Amino acid sequence: MEQMKTVSQKFNHTLKTEQYLKQCQNFPQEGRHIMCHQNEKSLVVYQAFNKDIAEYAIKNQKFGGENYSFNRMSWIKPNFLWMMYRSDWAQKKGQEKILAIWISKENFFNNILHNAYSVKRQQREKIQDNKKGLDIRLQWDPDYDPNFKKQNRRAIQLGLRSQELLNFSDKYIEKIEDITGFVKEQEYNLRKFGVDQVEIPIETELIINDQILLEKLDMI
């Protein structure tokens, strides 16, 4: 039987991983789902940055420094393979470092998801872009497999800016981990040996029982 291992065994990180092909058998095949690496109280979102921004974040366990702007929209992604698609396995310029960012579920639900606006929600609530409260954006995009084949399942990404981005950095983050080494190993395994040798962080669906929140997120 294949053994589950943790990134910490090789890369000094805490994310538990498992072969993609084993995990994907249990993934939803279609619809909108928030798939993430999680435990009882916290979950992980991913971001990709250049070396300078990433090193500041790791050292200080928050974002900032002369190369980081809180006025620009910064997108967080709970789904690992969506982050790999966006960064091309950490090979795109300015996205060479992949960070795993732990935040509490309480903050994720109450301060991010409830205040996230899709275009549909914005139109439904008749809110203009220049109104306060649109500092968190929501998008649903196709999920991907390790070879970047589109899936019928949709993955969420959330854009934060201004005060909400400051809150994320200063109040919501529990821990920031650099998982670039793990990412590069999986890209190598994919290229040399194929998808059956690729591991990803263990992802399960984030359960949402709040019907109002489901409507806000365009999930019903």
Protein backbone atom coordinates (compact mmCIF):
# COMPACT_ATOMS: atom_id res chain seq x y z
CA MET A 1 0.00 0.00 0.00
CA GLU A 2 1.30 3.44 -0.87
CA GLN A 3 2.08 5.51 2.17
CA MET A 4 0.93 9.07 2.67
CA LYS A 5 3.82 11.33 3.55
CA THR A 6 4.24 14.89 4.67
CA VAL A 7 6.15 17.67 3.02
CA SER A 8 7.96 18.19 6.32
CA GLN A 9 9.83 14.92 5.81
CA LYS A 10 11.78 16.48 2.94
CA PHE A 11 11.08 20.19 2.79
CA ASN A 12 10.51 21.26 6.41
CA HIS A 13 6.83 22.10 5.89
CA THR A 14 3.68 20.90 7.57
CA LEU A 15 1.35 20.12 4.65
CA LYS A 16 0.30 16.50 4.35
CA THR A 17 0.45 15.19 0.79
CA GLU A 18 -0.85 12.26 -1.21
CA GLN A 19 -0.71 11.07 -4.80
CA TYR A 20 -2.97 13.12 -7.06
CA LEU A 21 -4.43 10.07 -8.79
CA LYS A 22 -5.51 8.62 -5.46
CA GLN A 23 -7.08 11.88 -4.30
CA CYS A 24 -8.88 12.81 -7.49
CA GLN A 25 -11.05 9.69 -7.25
CA ASN A 26 -12.84 11.43 -4.37
CA PHE A 27 -13.02 14.92 -5.87
CA PRO A 28 -16.40 16.30 -7.01
CA GLN A 29 -16.64 15.93 -10.77
CA GLU A 30 -18.59 19.11 -11.51
CA GLY A 31 -20.11 22.16 -9.90
CA ARG A 32 -18.65 24.84 -7.63
CA HIS A 33 -16.68 23.57 -4.66
CA ILE A 34 -14.08 25.02 -2.31
CA MET A 35 -11.41 22.32 -2.18
CA CYS A 36 -8.61 23.03 0.26
CA HIS A 37 -5.96 21.67 2.60
CA GLN A 38 -7.54 21.94 6.03
CA ASN A 39 -7.74 20.78 9.59
CA GLU A 40 -10.44 21.36 12.19
CA LYS A 41 -9.72 25.05 12.74
CA SER A 42 -7.56 26.29 9.85
CA LEU A 43 -7.07 26.04 6.11
CA VAL A 44 -4.43 26.89 3.51
CA VAL A 45 -4.56 29.36 0.65
CA TYR A 46 -1.78 29.76 -1.90
CA GLN A 47 -0.05 32.71 -3.50
CA ALA A 48 2.88 33.06 -5.89
CA PHE A 49 5.42 35.89 -5.69
CA ASN A 50 8.89 36.91 -6.73
CA LYS A 51 11.83 36.13 -4.48
CA ASP A 52 11.93 39.48 -2.65
CA ILE A 53 8.26 39.52 -1.65
CA ALA A 54 8.32 35.85 -0.65
CA GLU A 55 11.46 36.21 1.48
CA TYR A 56 9.96 39.17 3.34
CA ALA A 57 6.76 37.20 3.95
CA ILE A 58 8.60 34.15 5.28
CA LYS A 59 10.88 36.20 7.52
CA ASN A 60 8.15 38.43 8.96
CA GLN A 61 5.20 36.03 8.68
CA LYS A 62 3.16 38.75 7.02
CA PHE A 63 3.26 40.74 3.79
CA GLY A 64 4.94 44.07 3.24
CA GLY A 65 8.26 45.55 2.24
CA GLU A 66 9.18 47.94 -0.53
CA ASN A 67 8.15 45.56 -3.32
CA TYR A 68 4.65 44.78 -2.03
CA SER A 69 1.59 46.97 -2.63
CA PHE A 70 -1.56 46.87 -0.52
CA ASN A 71 -3.39 48.96 -3.12
CA ARG A 72 -3.29 46.28 -5.80
CA MET A 73 -5.67 43.34 -5.88
CA SER A 74 -3.90 40.27 -4.48
CA TRP A 75 -5.50 36.90 -5.25
CA ILE A 76 -5.57 33.94 -2.87
CA LYS A 77 -6.36 30.43 -4.04
CA PRO A 78 -7.40 27.54 -1.77
CA ASN A 79 -6.86 25.05 -4.61
CA PHE A 80 -3.26 23.86 -5.10
CA LEU A 81 -3.52 22.84 -8.74
CA TRP A 82 -5.19 26.11 -9.70
CA MET A 83 -2.14 27.84 -8.23
CA MET A 84 0.10 25.53 -10.25
CA TYR A 85 -1.83 26.37 -13.41
CA ARG A 86 -1.61 30.09 -12.73
CA SER A 87 2.14 30.02 -11.98
CA ASP A 88 3.03 27.22 -14.42
CA TRP A 89 4.50 25.20 -11.57
CA ALA A 90 6.41 28.27 -10.27
CA GLN A 91 8.05 28.92 -13.63
CA LYS A 92 6.34 32.20 -14.62
CA LYS A 93 8.24 35.43 -14.08
CA GLY A 94 7.33 37.02 -10.78
CA GLN A 95 5.72 33.78 -9.56
CA GLU A 96 8.83 31.75 -8.83
CA LYS A 97 8.03 31.31 -5.14
CA ILE A 98 4.92 29.51 -3.93
CA LEU A 99 3.65 30.28 -0.44
CA ALA A 100 1.20 28.22 1.61
CA ILE A 101 -0.66 30.57 3.93
CA TRP A 102 -2.54 29.22 6.93
CA ILE A 103 -5.57 31.18 8.12
CA SER A 104 -8.30 30.34 10.61
CA LYS A 105 -11.59 29.10 9.25
CA GLU A 106 -13.34 31.67 11.43
CA ASN A 107 -11.59 34.51 9.61
CA PHE A 108 -11.99 32.84 6.24
CA PHE A 109 -15.74 32.46 6.68
CA ASN A 110 -16.65 35.61 8.60
CA ASN A 111 -14.22 38.17 7.20
CA ILE A 112 -13.44 36.95 3.69
CA LEU A 113 -16.21 34.79 2.24
CA HIS A 114 -19.12 36.80 3.66
CA ASN A 115 -17.60 40.00 2.26
CA ALA A 116 -16.60 38.62 -1.15
CA TYR A 117 -18.38 40.03 -4.18
CA SER A 118 -18.75 38.29 -7.51
CA VAL A 119 -20.03 40.31 -10.45
CA LYS A 120 -23.33 38.49 -10.04
CA ARG A 121 -23.64 39.41 -6.36
CA GLN A 122 -22.66 43.01 -7.09
CA GLN A 123 -25.39 43.28 -9.71
CA ARG A 124 -27.92 41.52 -7.50
CA GLU A 125 -27.29 43.92 -4.61
CA LYS A 126 -26.95 46.93 -6.93
CA ILE A 127 -23.58 48.00 -5.56
CA GLN A 128 -21.24 50.26 -7.51
CA ASP A 129 -17.51 49.59 -7.76
CA ASN A 130 -16.63 52.79 -5.95
CA LYS A 131 -18.68 51.86 -2.89
CA LYS A 132 -17.04 50.68 0.31
CA GLY A 133 -17.22 46.93 0.71
CA LEU A 134 -15.88 45.81 -2.66
CA ASP A 135 -12.33 45.20 -1.47
CA ILE A 136 -12.82 41.42 -1.77
CA ARG A 137 -13.54 39.95 -5.19
CA LEU A 138 -14.76 36.45 -5.96
CA GLN A 139 -14.26 34.43 -9.13
CA TRP A 140 -15.10 30.86 -10.10
CA ASP A 141 -12.74 29.37 -12.68
CA PRO A 142 -12.24 25.92 -14.17
CA ASP A 143 -10.22 23.59 -11.99
CA TYR A 144 -7.27 21.78 -13.57
CA ASP A 145 -5.41 18.51 -13.35
CA PRO A 146 -1.57 18.43 -13.09
CA ASN A 147 -1.27 18.58 -16.90
CA PHE A 148 -3.53 21.67 -16.92
CA LYS A 149 -6.48 19.90 -18.49
CA LYS A 150 -9.68 21.76 -17.63
CA GLN A 151 -12.09 19.99 -15.30
CA ASN A 152 -15.86 20.44 -15.15
CA ARG A 153 -15.47 21.33 -11.48
CA ARG A 154 -15.02 25.04 -10.65
CA ALA A 155 -12.42 26.40 -8.24
CA ILE A 156 -12.68 29.62 -6.25
CA GLN A 157 -10.17 32.45 -6.11
CA LEU A 158 -10.51 35.55 -3.98
CA GLY A 159 -8.97 38.95 -4.62
CA LEU A 160 -8.21 41.28 -1.71
CA ARG A 161 -7.06 44.89 -1.73
CA SER A 162 -6.74 48.01 0.45
CA GLN A 163 -7.93 47.57 4.05
CA GLU A 164 -9.04 43.98 3.50
CA LEU A 165 -5.57 43.06 2.25
CA LEU A 166 -4.03 44.76 5.28
CA ASN A 167 -6.38 42.83 7.55
CA PHE A 168 -5.45 39.59 5.80
CA SER A 169 -1.74 40.24 6.30
CA ASP A 170 -1.84 41.62 9.83
CA LYS A 171 -4.78 39.82 11.45
CA TYR A 172 -5.80 36.66 9.61
CA ILE A 173 -2.53 34.89 8.81
CA GLU A 174 -1.46 32.20 11.25
CA LYS A 175 1.60 30.94 9.39
CA ILE A 176 3.32 31.33 6.01
CA GLU A 177 5.33 28.45 4.54
CA ASP A 178 7.53 28.39 1.44
CA ILE A 179 6.61 25.24 -0.49
CA THR A 180 8.58 26.06 -3.65
CA GLY A 181 10.89 23.07 -3.23
CA PHE A 182 7.94 20.71 -3.07
CA VAL A 183 6.37 22.36 -6.12
CA LYS A 184 9.54 22.00 -8.17
CA GLU A 185 9.87 18.35 -7.20
CA GLN A 186 6.31 17.63 -8.36
CA GLU A 187 6.88 19.49 -11.64
CA TYR A 188 9.99 17.35 -12.19
CA ASN A 189 8.08 14.16 -11.37
CA LEU A 190 5.31 15.15 -13.78
CA ARG A 191 7.72 15.93 -16.59
CA LYS A 192 9.95 12.88 -16.13
CA PHE A 193 7.61 10.17 -14.89
CA GLY A 194 4.03 11.28 -15.52
CA VAL A 195 1.01 12.19 -13.45
CA ASP A 196 1.03 8.94 -11.46
CA GLN A 197 4.13 10.18 -9.61
CA VAL A 198 2.69 13.59 -8.70
CA GLU A 199 1.69 14.38 -5.14
CA ILE A 200 -0.36 17.35 -4.00
CA PRO A 201 -1.43 18.59 -0.57
CA ILE A 202 -4.42 16.61 0.65
CA GLU A 203 -7.55 18.54 -0.30
CA THR A 204 -11.09 18.00 0.91
CA GLU A 205 -14.21 20.03 0.36
CA LEU A 206 -14.88 22.92 2.72
CA ILE A 207 -18.38 22.28 4.00
CA ILE A 208 -20.69 25.30 4.06
CA ASN A 209 -24.02 24.86 5.83
CA ASP A 210 -25.00 28.53 5.77
CA GLN A 211 -27.60 28.99 3.03
CA ILE A 212 -27.15 32.77 2.99
CA LEU A 213 -23.42 32.36 2.46
CA LEU A 214 -23.97 29.79 -0.28
CA GLU A 215 -26.15 32.32 -2.08
CA LYS A 216 -23.57 35.08 -1.62
CA LEU A 217 -20.94 32.82 -3.17
CA ASP A 218 -23.17 31.90 -6.13
CA MET A 219 -23.10 28.26 -5.07
CA ILE A 220 -26.87 27.79 -5.16
